[in-house]
PDB file of N, CA and C in Angstrom:
ATOM      1  N   UNK A   1      94.157 226.114 156.962  1.00  0.00           N
ATOM      2  CA  UNK A   1      94.566 226.353 158.333  1.00  0.00           C
ATOM      3  C   UNK A   1      95.275 225.130 158.878  1.00  0.00           C
ATOM      4  N   UNK A   2      96.256 225.364 159.715  1.00  0.00           N
ATOM      5  CA  UNK A   2      96.983 224.270 160.347  1.00  0.00           C
ATOM      6  C   UNK A   2      96.894 224.420 161.850  1.00  0.00           C
ATOM      7  N   UNK A   3      96.861 223.298 162.518  1.00  0.00           N
ATOM      8  CA  UNK A   3      96.828 223.280 163.971  1.00  0.00           C
ATOM      9  C   UNK A   3      98.121 222.666 164.456  1.00  0.00           C
ATOM     10  N   UNK A   4      98.812 223.317 165.361  1.00  0.00           N
ATOM     11  CA  UNK A   4     100.046 222.776 165.901  1.00  0.00           C
ATOM     12  C   UNK A   4      99.873 222.352 167.339  1.00  0.00           C
ATOM     13  N   UNK A   5     100.679 221.406 167.761  1.00  0.00           N
ATOM     14  CA  UNK A   5     100.662 220.962 169.149  1.00  0.00           C
ATOM     15  C   UNK A   5     101.882 221.513 169.856  1.00  0.00           C
ATOM     16  N   UNK A   6     101.735 221.902 171.092  1.00  0.00           N
ATOM     17  CA  UNK A   6     102.865 222.464 171.815  1.00  0.00           C
ATOM     18  C   UNK A   6     103.648 221.391 172.565  1.00  0.00           C
ATOM     19  N   UNK A   7     103.165 220.171 172.613  1.00  0.00           N
ATOM     20  CA  UNK A   7     103.861 219.100 173.313  1.00  0.00           C
ATOM     21  C   UNK A   7     104.056 217.909 172.389  1.00  0.00           C
ATOM     22  N   UNK A   8     105.158 217.231 172.579  1.00  0.00           N
ATOM     23  CA  UNK A   8     105.424 216.017 171.823  1.00  0.00           C
ATOM     24  C   UNK A   8     105.655 214.885 172.804  1.00  0.00           C
ATOM     25  N   UNK A   9     105.304 213.693 172.399  1.00  0.00           N
ATOM     26  CA  UNK A   9     105.477 212.513 173.245  1.00  0.00           C
ATOM     27  C   UNK A   9     106.933 212.105 173.248  1.00  0.00           C
ATOM     28  N   UNK A  10     107.464 211.818 174.432  1.00  0.00           N
ATOM     29  CA  UNK A  10     108.827 211.316 174.548  1.00  0.00           C
ATOM     30  C   UNK A  10     108.769 209.820 174.763  1.00  0.00           C
ATOM     31  N   UNK A  11     109.126 209.023 173.777  1.00  0.00           N
ATOM     32  CA  UNK A  11     108.999 207.568 173.892  1.00  0.00           C
ATOM     33  C   UNK A  11     109.786 206.958 175.039  1.00  0.00           C
ATOM     34  N   UNK A  12     110.906 207.569 175.446  1.00  0.00           N
ATOM     35  CA  UNK A  12     111.722 206.952 176.487  1.00  0.00           C
ATOM     36  C   UNK A  12     111.048 206.905 177.853  1.00  0.00           C
ATOM     37  N   UNK A  13     110.297 207.920 178.212  1.00  0.00           N
ATOM     38  CA  UNK A  13     109.637 207.891 179.520  1.00  0.00           C
ATOM     39  C   UNK A  13     108.128 208.128 179.456  1.00  0.00           C
ATOM     40  N   UNK A  14     107.595 208.367 178.267  1.00  0.00           N
ATOM     41  CA  UNK A  14     106.157 208.527 178.107  1.00  0.00           C
ATOM     42  C   UNK A  14     105.597 209.847 178.576  1.00  0.00           C
ATOM     43  N   UNK A  15     106.449 210.781 178.968  1.00  0.00           N
ATOM     44  CA  UNK A  15     105.972 212.069 179.451  1.00  0.00           C
ATOM     45  C   UNK A  15     105.983 213.098 178.322  1.00  0.00           C
ATOM     46  N   UNK A  16     105.026 214.028 178.346  1.00  0.00           N
ATOM     47  CA  UNK A  16     105.017 215.058 177.293  1.00  0.00           C
ATOM     48  C   UNK A  16     106.229 215.958 177.427  1.00  0.00           C
ATOM     49  N   UNK A  17     106.711 216.431 176.294  1.00  0.00           N
ATOM     50  CA  UNK A  17     107.874 217.311 176.270  1.00  0.00           C
ATOM     51  C   UNK A  17     107.510 218.554 175.482  1.00  0.00           C
ATOM     52  N   UNK A  18     107.859 219.708 176.004  1.00  0.00           N
ATOM     53  CA  UNK A  18     107.557 220.947 175.288  1.00  0.00           C
ATOM     54  C   UNK A  18     108.326 220.996 173.987  1.00  0.00           C
ATOM     55  N   UNK A  19     107.669 221.445 172.951  1.00  0.00           N
ATOM     56  CA  UNK A  19     108.290 221.623 171.648  1.00  0.00           C
ATOM     57  C   UNK A  19     108.799 223.060 171.601  1.00  0.00           C
ATOM     58  N   UNK A  20     110.124 223.270 171.600  1.00  0.00           N
ATOM     59  CA  UNK A  20     110.650 224.646 171.643  1.00  0.00           C
ATOM     60  C   UNK A  20     110.142 225.522 170.510  1.00  0.00           C
ATOM     61  N   UNK A  21     109.822 224.928 169.365  1.00  0.00           N
ATOM     62  CA  UNK A  21     109.353 225.720 168.221  1.00  0.00           C
ATOM     63  C   UNK A  21     107.996 226.357 168.476  1.00  0.00           C
ATOM     64  N   UNK A  22     107.200 225.766 169.369  1.00  0.00           N
ATOM     65  CA  UNK A  22     105.870 226.324 169.604  1.00  0.00           C
ATOM     66  C   UNK A  22     105.621 226.640 171.071  1.00  0.00           C
ATOM     67  N   UNK A  23     106.690 226.741 171.853  1.00  0.00           N
ATOM     68  CA  UNK A  23     106.531 227.060 173.277  1.00  0.00           C
ATOM     69  C   UNK A  23     106.020 228.487 173.423  1.00  0.00           C
ATOM     70  N   UNK A  24     105.147 228.719 174.393  1.00  0.00           N
ATOM     71  CA  UNK A  24     104.589 230.067 174.572  1.00  0.00           C
ATOM     72  C   UNK A  24     105.604 231.022 175.168  1.00  0.00           C
ATOM     73  N   UNK A  25     105.451 232.289 174.869  1.00  0.00           N
ATOM     74  CA  UNK A  25     106.259 233.311 175.519  1.00  0.00           C
ATOM     75  C   UNK A  25     105.420 233.919 176.637  1.00  0.00           C
ATOM     76  N   UNK A  26     106.048 234.664 177.507  1.00  0.00           N
ATOM     77  CA  UNK A  26     105.330 235.269 178.628  1.00  0.00           C
ATOM     78  C   UNK A  26     104.264 236.251 178.139  1.00  0.00           C
ATOM     79  N   UNK A  27     104.503 236.899 176.992  1.00  0.00           N
ATOM     80  CA  UNK A  27     103.541 237.872 176.486  1.00  0.00           C
ATOM     81  C   UNK A  27     102.433 237.240 175.641  1.00  0.00           C
ATOM     82  N   UNK A  28     102.586 235.980 175.285  1.00  0.00           N
ATOM     83  CA  UNK A  28     101.608 235.298 174.439  1.00  0.00           C
ATOM     84  C   UNK A  28     101.304 233.921 175.027  1.00  0.00           C
ATOM     85  N   UNK A  29     100.486 233.863 176.069  1.00  0.00           N
ATOM     86  CA  UNK A  29     100.234 232.568 176.706  1.00  0.00           C
ATOM     87  C   UNK A  29      99.531 231.594 175.766  1.00  0.00           C
ATOM     88  N   UNK A  30     100.034 230.370 175.722  1.00  0.00           N
ATOM     89  CA  UNK A  30      99.457 229.359 174.846  1.00  0.00           C
ATOM     90  C   UNK A  30      98.151 228.813 175.410  1.00  0.00           C
ATOM     91  N   UNK A  31      98.041 228.751 176.723  1.00  0.00           N
ATOM     92  CA  UNK A  31      96.862 228.179 177.368  1.00  0.00           C
ATOM     93  C   UNK A  31      96.134 229.257 178.163  1.00  0.00           C
ATOM     94  N   UNK A  32      95.287 230.053 177.501  1.00  0.00           N
ATOM     95  CA  UNK A  32      94.627 231.158 178.186  1.00  0.00           C
ATOM     96  C   UNK A  32      93.523 230.732 179.143  1.00  0.00           C
ATOM     97  N   UNK A  33      93.055 229.513 179.031  1.00  0.00           N
ATOM     98  CA  UNK A  33      91.977 229.067 179.906  1.00  0.00           C
ATOM     99  C   UNK A  33      92.498 228.829 181.320  1.00  0.00           C
ATOM    100  N   UNK A  34      91.717 229.188 182.317  1.00  0.00           N
ATOM    101  CA  UNK A  34      92.178 229.020 183.701  1.00  0.00           C
ATOM    102  C   UNK A  34      92.052 227.590 184.221  1.00  0.00           C
ATOM    103  N   UNK A  35      91.444 226.711 183.474  1.00  0.00           N
ATOM    104  CA  UNK A  35      91.255 225.343 183.947  1.00  0.00           C
ATOM    105  C   UNK A  35      91.480 224.351 182.811  1.00  0.00           C
ATOM    106  N   UNK A  36      91.517 223.112 183.137  1.00  0.00           N
ATOM    107  CA  UNK A  36      91.759 222.040 182.167  1.00  0.00           C
ATOM    108  C   UNK A  36      90.503 221.175 182.116  1.00  0.00           C
ATOM    109  N   UNK A  37      89.552 221.481 181.221  1.00  0.00           N
ATOM    110  CA  UNK A  37      88.268 220.787 181.228  1.00  0.00           C
ATOM    111  C   UNK A  37      88.323 219.297 180.914  1.00  0.00           C
ATOM    112  N   UNK A  38      89.343 218.838 180.167  1.00  0.00           N
ATOM    113  CA  UNK A  38      89.363 217.414 179.833  1.00  0.00           C
ATOM    114  C   UNK A  38      90.266 216.601 180.762  1.00  0.00           C
ATOM    115  N   UNK A  39      91.003 217.262 181.658  1.00  0.00           N
ATOM    116  CA  UNK A  39      91.824 216.552 182.638  1.00  0.00           C
ATOM    117  C   UNK A  39      93.071 215.910 182.076  1.00  0.00           C
ATOM    118  N   UNK A  40      93.506 216.292 180.884  1.00  0.00           N
ATOM    119  CA  UNK A  40      94.677 215.672 180.271  1.00  0.00           C
ATOM    120  C   UNK A  40      95.978 216.203 180.871  1.00  0.00           C
ATOM    121  N   UNK A  41      97.037 215.421 180.734  1.00  0.00           N
ATOM    122  CA  UNK A  41      98.352 215.837 181.190  1.00  0.00           C
ATOM    123  C   UNK A  41      98.799 217.025 180.346  1.00  0.00           C
ATOM    124  N   UNK A  42      99.263 218.082 180.993  1.00  0.00           N
ATOM    125  CA  UNK A  42      99.780 219.282 180.326  1.00  0.00           C
ATOM    126  C   UNK A  42      98.766 219.915 179.373  1.00  0.00           C
ATOM    127  N   UNK A  43      97.484 219.723 179.616  1.00  0.00           N
ATOM    128  CA  UNK A  43      96.402 220.303 178.805  1.00  0.00           C
ATOM    129  C   UNK A  43      96.452 219.877 177.337  1.00  0.00           C
ATOM    130  N   UNK A  44      97.014 218.713 177.065  1.00  0.00           N
ATOM    131  CA  UNK A  44      97.097 218.238 175.678  1.00  0.00           C
ATOM    132  C   UNK A  44      95.686 218.013 175.157  1.00  0.00           C
ATOM    133  N   UNK A  45      95.401 218.589 173.996  1.00  0.00           N
ATOM    134  CA  UNK A  45      94.056 218.494 173.424  1.00  0.00           C
ATOM    135  C   UNK A  45      93.999 217.644 172.169  1.00  0.00           C
ATOM    136  N   UNK A  46      95.157 217.346 171.573  1.00  0.00           N
ATOM    137  CA  UNK A  46      95.150 216.566 170.346  1.00  0.00           C
ATOM    138  C   UNK A  46      96.369 215.687 170.221  1.00  0.00           C
ATOM    139  N   UNK A  47      96.213 214.627 169.480  1.00  0.00           N
ATOM    140  CA  UNK A  47      97.310 213.702 169.205  1.00  0.00           C
ATOM    141  C   UNK A  47      97.422 213.527 167.703  1.00  0.00           C
ATOM    142  N   UNK A  48      98.637 213.514 167.212  1.00  0.00           N
ATOM    143  CA  UNK A  48      98.836 213.324 165.788  1.00  0.00           C
ATOM    144  C   UNK A  48     100.146 212.619 165.517  1.00  0.00           C
ATOM    145  N   UNK A  49     100.305 212.160 164.285  1.00  0.00           N
ATOM    146  CA  UNK A  49     101.548 211.495 163.912  1.00  0.00           C
ATOM    147  C   UNK A  49     102.484 212.505 163.227  1.00  0.00           C
ATOM    148  N   UNK A  50     103.729 212.112 162.952  1.00  0.00           N
ATOM    149  CA  UNK A  50     104.675 213.055 162.343  1.00  0.00           C
ATOM    150  C   UNK A  50     104.226 213.641 161.006  1.00  0.00           C
ATOM    151  N   UNK A  51     103.329 212.964 160.304  1.00  0.00           N
ATOM    152  CA  UNK A  51     102.868 213.494 159.016  1.00  0.00           C
ATOM    153  C   UNK A  51     101.909 214.667 159.185  1.00  0.00           C
ATOM    154  N   UNK A  52     101.403 214.867 160.407  1.00  0.00           N
ATOM    155  CA  UNK A  52     100.463 215.952 160.655  1.00  0.00           C
ATOM    156  C   UNK A  52      99.013 215.531 160.648  1.00  0.00           C
ATOM    157  N   UNK A  53      98.751 214.273 160.376  1.00  0.00           N
ATOM    158  CA  UNK A  53      97.362 213.797 160.413  1.00  0.00           C
ATOM    159  C   UNK A  53      96.906 213.761 161.870  1.00  0.00           C
ATOM    160  N   UNK A  54      95.745 214.268 162.130  1.00  0.00           N
ATOM    161  CA  UNK A  54      95.223 214.287 163.491  1.00  0.00           C
ATOM    162  C   UNK A  54      94.596 212.944 163.801  1.00  0.00           C
ATOM    163  N   UNK A  55      95.016 212.312 164.888  1.00  0.00           N
ATOM    164  CA  UNK A  55      94.466 211.022 165.289  1.00  0.00           C
ATOM    165  C   UNK A  55      93.350 211.187 166.320  1.00  0.00           C
ATOM    166  N   UNK A  56      93.422 212.224 167.090  1.00  0.00           N
ATOM    167  CA  UNK A  56      92.405 212.473 168.106  1.00  0.00           C
ATOM    168  C   UNK A  56      92.415 213.936 168.495  1.00  0.00           C
ATOM    169  N   UNK A  57      91.261 214.500 168.738  1.00  0.00           N
ATOM    170  CA  UNK A  57      91.169 215.908 169.082  1.00  0.00           C
ATOM    171  C   UNK A  57      90.051 216.115 170.085  1.00  0.00           C
ATOM    172  N   UNK A  58      90.374 216.670 171.229  1.00  0.00           N
ATOM    173  CA  UNK A  58      89.405 216.846 172.301  1.00  0.00           C
ATOM    174  C   UNK A  58      88.431 218.017 172.087  1.00  0.00           C
ATOM    175  N   UNK A  59      88.858 219.181 171.606  1.00  0.00           N
ATOM    176  CA  UNK A  59      87.947 220.325 171.573  1.00  0.00           C
ATOM    177  C   UNK A  59      86.745 220.215 170.634  1.00  0.00           C
ATOM    178  N   UNK A  60      86.659 219.195 169.831  1.00  0.00           N
ATOM    179  CA  UNK A  60      85.535 218.994 168.925  1.00  0.00           C
ATOM    180  C   UNK A  60      85.295 220.194 168.010  1.00  0.00           C
ATOM    181  N   UNK A  61      86.197 220.410 167.038  1.00  0.00           N
ATOM    182  CA  UNK A  61      86.018 221.561 166.139  1.00  0.00           C
ATOM    183  C   UNK A  61      84.741 221.487 165.314  1.00  0.00           C
ATOM    184  N   UNK A  62      84.176 220.295 165.172  1.00  0.00           N
ATOM    185  CA  UNK A  62      82.953 220.167 164.376  1.00  0.00           C
ATOM    186  C   UNK A  62      81.773 220.891 165.021  1.00  0.00           C
ATOM    187  N   UNK A  63      81.895 221.267 166.273  1.00  0.00           N
ATOM    188  CA  UNK A  63      80.792 222.001 166.904  1.00  0.00           C
ATOM    189  C   UNK A  63      80.781 223.469 166.496  1.00  0.00           C
ATOM    190  N   UNK A  64      81.813 223.908 165.802  1.00  0.00           N
ATOM    191  CA  UNK A  64      81.911 225.307 165.396  1.00  0.00           C
ATOM    192  C   UNK A  64      81.968 225.390 163.870  1.00  0.00           C
ATOM    193  N   UNK A  65      80.884 224.954 163.237  1.00  0.00           N
ATOM    194  CA  UNK A  65      80.810 224.967 161.780  1.00  0.00           C
ATOM    195  C   UNK A  65      80.350 226.312 161.240  1.00  0.00           C
ATOM    196  N   UNK A  66      79.598 227.023 162.029  1.00  0.00           N
ATOM    197  CA  UNK A  66      79.092 228.335 161.637  1.00  0.00           C
ATOM    198  C   UNK A  66      79.361 229.313 162.774  1.00  0.00           C
ATOM    199  N   UNK A  67      79.563 230.568 162.439  1.00  0.00           N
ATOM    200  CA  UNK A  67      79.893 231.583 163.445  1.00  0.00           C
ATOM    201  C   UNK A  67      78.896 231.631 164.597  1.00  0.00           C
ATOM    202  N   UNK A  68      77.629 231.367 164.320  1.00  0.00           N
ATOM    203  CA  UNK A  68      76.620 231.445 165.382  1.00  0.00           C
ATOM    204  C   UNK A  68      76.771 230.342 166.423  1.00  0.00           C
ATOM    205  N   UNK A  69      77.612 229.349 166.155  1.00  0.00           N
ATOM    206  CA  UNK A  69      77.852 228.280 167.132  1.00  0.00           C
ATOM    207  C   UNK A  69      78.957 228.638 168.120  1.00  0.00           C
ATOM    208  N   UNK A  70      79.682 229.713 167.884  1.00  0.00           N
ATOM    209  CA  UNK A  70      80.728 230.151 168.802  1.00  0.00           C
ATOM    210  C   UNK A  70      80.061 230.790 170.017  1.00  0.00           C
ATOM    211  N   UNK A  71      80.525 230.484 171.235  1.00  0.00           N
ATOM    212  CA  UNK A  71      79.856 231.014 172.423  1.00  0.00           C
ATOM    213  C   UNK A  71      79.862 232.544 172.537  1.00  0.00           C
ATOM    214  N   UNK A  72      80.808 233.206 171.886  1.00  0.00           N
ATOM    215  CA  UNK A  72      80.876 234.673 171.964  1.00  0.00           C
ATOM    216  C   UNK A  72      80.681 235.322 170.600  1.00  0.00           C
ATOM    217  N   UNK A  73      79.908 234.682 169.746  1.00  0.00           N
ATOM    218  CA  UNK A  73      79.777 235.193 168.382  1.00  0.00           C
ATOM    219  C   UNK A  73      79.166 236.584 168.314  1.00  0.00           C
ATOM    220  N   UNK A  74      78.238 236.908 169.197  1.00  0.00           N
ATOM    221  CA  UNK A  74      77.624 238.240 169.138  1.00  0.00           C
ATOM    222  C   UNK A  74      78.592 239.306 169.647  1.00  0.00           C
ATOM    223  N   UNK A  75      79.331 238.997 170.722  1.00  0.00           N
ATOM    224  CA  UNK A  75      80.292 239.960 171.257  1.00  0.00           C
ATOM    225  C   UNK A  75      81.449 240.199 170.296  1.00  0.00           C
ATOM    226  N   UNK A  76      81.881 239.133 169.621  1.00  0.00           N
ATOM    227  CA  UNK A  76      83.018 239.243 168.711  1.00  0.00           C
ATOM    228  C   UNK A  76      82.610 239.665 167.298  1.00  0.00           C
ATOM    229  N   UNK A  77      81.324 239.685 167.035  1.00  0.00           N
ATOM    230  CA  UNK A  77      80.838 240.077 165.714  1.00  0.00           C
ATOM    231  C   UNK A  77      81.177 239.068 164.627  1.00  0.00           C
ATOM    232  N   UNK A  78      81.197 237.797 164.974  1.00  0.00           N
ATOM    233  CA  UNK A  78      81.559 236.760 164.007  1.00  0.00           C
ATOM    234  C   UNK A  78      80.416 236.495 163.037  1.00  0.00           C
ATOM    235  N   UNK A  79      80.774 236.248 161.793  1.00  0.00           N
ATOM    236  CA  UNK A  79      79.788 235.896 160.763  1.00  0.00           C
ATOM    237  C   UNK A  79      80.370 234.816 159.863  1.00  0.00           C
ATOM    238  N   UNK A  80      79.514 234.148 159.124  1.00  0.00           N
ATOM    239  CA  UNK A  80      79.969 233.172 158.138  1.00  0.00           C
ATOM    240  C   UNK A  80      80.364 231.836 158.730  1.00  0.00           C
ATOM    241  N   UNK A  81      81.289 231.182 158.039  1.00  0.00           N
ATOM    242  CA  UNK A  81      81.713 229.846 158.437  1.00  0.00           C
ATOM    243  C   UNK A  81      82.595 229.898 159.684  1.00  0.00           C
ATOM    244  N   UNK A  82      82.473 228.866 160.496  1.00  0.00           N
ATOM    245  CA  UNK A  82      83.328 228.727 161.662  1.00  0.00           C
ATOM    246  C   UNK A  82      84.608 227.994 161.313  1.00  0.00           C
ATOM    247  N   UNK A  83      85.607 228.114 162.165  1.00  0.00           N
ATOM    248  CA  UNK A  83      86.905 227.486 161.920  1.00  0.00           C
ATOM    249  C   UNK A  83      86.817 225.968 161.867  1.00  0.00           C
ATOM    250  N   UNK A  84      85.862 225.370 162.562  1.00  0.00           N
ATOM    251  CA  UNK A  84      85.735 223.918 162.579  1.00  0.00           C
ATOM    252  C   UNK A  84      85.388 223.317 161.231  1.00  0.00           C
ATOM    253  N   UNK A  85      84.786 224.102 160.362  1.00  0.00           N
ATOM    254  CA  UNK A  85      84.427 223.598 159.044  1.00  0.00           C
ATOM    255  C   UNK A  85      85.668 223.242 158.222  1.00  0.00           C
ATOM    256  N   UNK A  86      86.785 223.881 158.517  1.00  0.00           N
ATOM    257  CA  UNK A  86      88.031 223.595 157.793  1.00  0.00           C
ATOM    258  C   UNK A  86      88.465 222.145 157.983  1.00  0.00           C
ATOM    259  N   UNK A  87      88.175 221.548 159.124  1.00  0.00           N
ATOM    260  CA  UNK A  87      88.518 220.148 159.373  1.00  0.00           C
ATOM    261  C   UNK A  87      87.841 219.258 158.340  1.00  0.00           C
ATOM    262  N   UNK A  88      86.570 219.490 158.085  1.00  0.00           N
ATOM    263  CA  UNK A  88      85.825 218.677 157.139  1.00  0.00           C
ATOM    264  C   UNK A  88      86.202 218.996 155.691  1.00  0.00           C
ATOM    265  N   UNK A  89      86.431 220.263 155.392  1.00  0.00           N
ATOM    266  CA  UNK A  89      86.841 220.621 154.037  1.00  0.00           C
ATOM    267  C   UNK A  89      88.197 219.991 153.697  1.00  0.00           C
ATOM    268  N   UNK A  90      89.114 220.006 154.654  1.00  0.00           N
ATOM    269  CA  UNK A  90      90.424 219.393 154.422  1.00  0.00           C
ATOM    270  C   UNK A  90      90.296 217.892 154.200  1.00  0.00           C
ATOM    271  N   UNK A  91      89.414 217.239 154.929  1.00  0.00           N
ATOM    272  CA  UNK A  91      89.216 215.799 154.750  1.00  0.00           C
ATOM    273  C   UNK A  91      88.661 215.501 153.353  1.00  0.00           C
ATOM    274  N   UNK A  92      87.704 216.288 152.914  1.00  0.00           N
ATOM    275  CA  UNK A  92      87.126 216.089 151.580  1.00  0.00           C
ATOM    276  C   UNK A  92      88.189 216.310 150.509  1.00  0.00           C
ATOM    277  N   UNK A  93      88.973 217.392 150.654  1.00  0.00           N
ATOM    278  CA  UNK A  93      90.031 217.676 149.678  1.00  0.00           C
ATOM    279  C   UNK A  93      91.056 216.540 149.629  1.00  0.00           C
ATOM    280  N   UNK A  94      91.391 215.995 150.774  1.00  0.00           N
ATOM    281  CA  UNK A  94      92.378 214.916 150.835  1.00  0.00           C
ATOM    282  C   UNK A  94      91.912 213.700 150.038  1.00  0.00           C
ATOM    283  N   UNK A  95      90.638 213.352 150.164  1.00  0.00           N
ATOM    284  CA  UNK A  95      90.126 212.162 149.497  1.00  0.00           C
ATOM    285  C   UNK A  95      89.723 212.406 148.041  1.00  0.00           C
ATOM    286  N   UNK A  96      89.589 213.657 147.657  1.00  0.00           N
ATOM    287  CA  UNK A  96      89.282 213.959 146.249  1.00  0.00           C
ATOM    288  C   UNK A  96      90.542 213.804 145.459  1.00  0.00           C
TER     289      UNK A  96
END
């Protein structure tokens, strides 16, 4: 699995810039949450370098290692591994 960011840093003025390749359409909102829990500019949740390595991530994917850790797991019928486990599996694969 890959995670993409919808904003890129603009070195000239330090303000986030929308990445046209991943900009949301009106029918597919990128930010479905009604609020910004971490208070970041433009709801940015992660920072990474051009190689794709994640340097910082706010949502803490490690909290969702198993389906039962998802807040709506019973309503959604989730079972098995959670998406957050992929972060750790990818790290292990990288160093192997």
